[in-house]
């Protein structure tokens, strides 16, 4: 799933993000979401998150979720 909808992303999810320095090349970095920084419900370039290792970037894709969530 893509990373443009805030409701689809939760702390603990494994995601691929694009760091600010890598925006031109589009190179992605994989990590676990520590916190969600974007407050709006969606963002066309991806929801901004902070990874567990401290890196900040916009979500390109949600790779995996730690458990199934109820709707």
C-alpha atoms as a PDB file:
ATOM      1  CA  UNK A   1       0.000   0.000   0.000  1.00  0.00           C
ATOM      2  CA  UNK A   2       1.268   3.474  -0.738  1.00  0.00           C
ATOM      3  CA  UNK A   3       2.099   5.980   1.970  1.00  0.00           C
ATOM      4  CA  UNK A   4      -0.268   8.828   1.169  1.00  0.00           C
ATOM      5  CA  UNK A   5      -3.036   8.022   3.711  1.00  0.00           C
ATOM      6  CA  UNK A   6      -2.255   8.670   7.391  1.00  0.00           C
ATOM      7  CA  UNK A   7      -4.782   6.075   8.646  1.00  0.00           C
ATOM      8  CA  UNK A   8      -2.819   3.321   6.849  1.00  0.00           C
ATOM      9  CA  UNK A   9       0.386   4.004   8.813  1.00  0.00           C
ATOM     10  CA  UNK A  10       0.960   3.179  12.476  1.00  0.00           C
ATOM     11  CA  UNK A  11       3.931   3.049  14.861  1.00  0.00           C
ATOM     12  CA  UNK A  12       5.575  -0.351  14.535  1.00  0.00           C
ATOM     13  CA  UNK A  13       4.893  -0.696  10.795  1.00  0.00           C
ATOM     14  CA  UNK A  14       7.838  -1.430   8.517  1.00  0.00           C
ATOM     15  CA  UNK A  15       7.944   1.162   5.738  1.00  0.00           C
ATOM     16  CA  UNK A  16      10.087   2.423   2.886  1.00  0.00           C
ATOM     17  CA  UNK A  17      10.718   6.169   3.098  1.00  0.00           C
ATOM     18  CA  UNK A  18      12.456   8.747   0.946  1.00  0.00           C
ATOM     19  CA  UNK A  19      14.825  10.939   2.943  1.00  0.00           C
ATOM     20  CA  UNK A  20      15.031  14.657   2.081  1.00  0.00           C
ATOM     21  CA  UNK A  21      18.578  14.173   0.777  1.00  0.00           C
ATOM     22  CA  UNK A  22      17.389  11.352  -1.515  1.00  0.00           C
ATOM     23  CA  UNK A  23      14.369  13.118  -3.042  1.00  0.00           C
ATOM     24  CA  UNK A  24      16.135  13.791  -6.346  1.00  0.00           C
ATOM     25  CA  UNK A  25      17.243  10.186  -6.814  1.00  0.00           C
ATOM     26  CA  UNK A  26      14.161   8.565  -5.233  1.00  0.00           C
ATOM     27  CA  UNK A  27      16.338   6.167  -3.208  1.00  0.00           C
ATOM     28  CA  UNK A  28      14.343   4.560  -0.387  1.00  0.00           C
ATOM     29  CA  UNK A  29      15.311   3.615   3.150  1.00  0.00           C
ATOM     30  CA  UNK A  30      13.565   0.815   5.066  1.00  0.00           C
ATOM     31  CA  UNK A  31      12.748   1.098   8.759  1.00  0.00           C
ATOM     32  CA  UNK A  32      10.184   0.826  11.527  1.00  0.00           C
ATOM     33  CA  UNK A  33       7.863   3.777  12.226  1.00  0.00           C
ATOM     34  CA  UNK A  34       8.460   5.415  15.592  1.00  0.00           C
ATOM     35  CA  UNK A  35       6.099   8.368  15.140  1.00  0.00           C
ATOM     36  CA  UNK A  36       3.919  10.013  12.498  1.00  0.00           C
ATOM     37  CA  UNK A  37       4.763  13.666  11.885  1.00  0.00           C
ATOM     38  CA  UNK A  38       2.139  14.633   9.267  1.00  0.00           C
ATOM     39  CA  UNK A  39      -1.075  15.808  10.919  1.00  0.00           C
ATOM     40  CA  UNK A  40      -3.340  15.911   7.842  1.00  0.00           C
ATOM     41  CA  UNK A  41      -5.299  12.768   6.886  1.00  0.00           C
ATOM     42  CA  UNK A  42      -3.434  12.438   3.577  1.00  0.00           C
ATOM     43  CA  UNK A  43      -0.520  13.939   1.689  1.00  0.00           C
ATOM     44  CA  UNK A  44       0.154  13.557  -2.055  1.00  0.00           C
ATOM     45  CA  UNK A  45       3.936  13.114  -1.629  1.00  0.00           C
ATOM     46  CA  UNK A  46       3.635  10.706   1.323  1.00  0.00           C
ATOM     47  CA  UNK A  47       3.061  10.907   5.058  1.00  0.00           C
ATOM     48  CA  UNK A  48       6.117  12.168   6.936  1.00  0.00           C
ATOM     49  CA  UNK A  49       7.343   9.811   9.674  1.00  0.00           C
ATOM     50  CA  UNK A  50      10.259   9.344  12.024  1.00  0.00           C
ATOM     51  CA  UNK A  51      11.831   5.903  12.035  1.00  0.00           C
ATOM     52  CA  UNK A  52      13.020   4.072  15.150  1.00  0.00           C
ATOM     53  CA  UNK A  53      16.620   5.009  14.257  1.00  0.00           C
ATOM     54  CA  UNK A  54      15.727   8.733  14.125  1.00  0.00           C
ATOM     55  CA  UNK A  55      15.664   9.233  10.342  1.00  0.00           C
ATOM     56  CA  UNK A  56      12.806  11.350   8.968  1.00  0.00           C
ATOM     57  CA  UNK A  57      11.225  11.036   5.543  1.00  0.00           C
ATOM     58  CA  UNK A  58       8.050  10.555   3.534  1.00  0.00           C
ATOM     59  CA  UNK A  59       6.514   7.093   3.263  1.00  0.00           C
ATOM     60  CA  UNK A  60       6.714   5.638  -0.216  1.00  0.00           C
ATOM     61  CA  UNK A  61       5.264   2.232   0.722  1.00  0.00           C
ATOM     62  CA  UNK A  62       4.077   0.282   3.778  1.00  0.00           C
ATOM     63  CA  UNK A  63       6.003  -3.003   3.695  1.00  0.00           C
ATOM     64  CA  UNK A  64       4.452  -4.832   6.636  1.00  0.00           C
ATOM     65  CA  UNK A  65       2.249  -4.320   9.667  1.00  0.00           C
ATOM     66  CA  UNK A  66       3.091  -5.942  13.011  1.00  0.00           C
ATOM     67  CA  UNK A  67      -0.411  -7.433  13.374  1.00  0.00           C
ATOM     68  CA  UNK A  68      -3.804  -7.403  11.741  1.00  0.00           C
ATOM     69  CA  UNK A  69      -5.890  -4.400  12.801  1.00  0.00           C
ATOM     70  CA  UNK A  70      -9.628  -4.371  13.230  1.00  0.00           C
ATOM     71  CA  UNK A  71     -11.593  -1.860  11.204  1.00  0.00           C
END
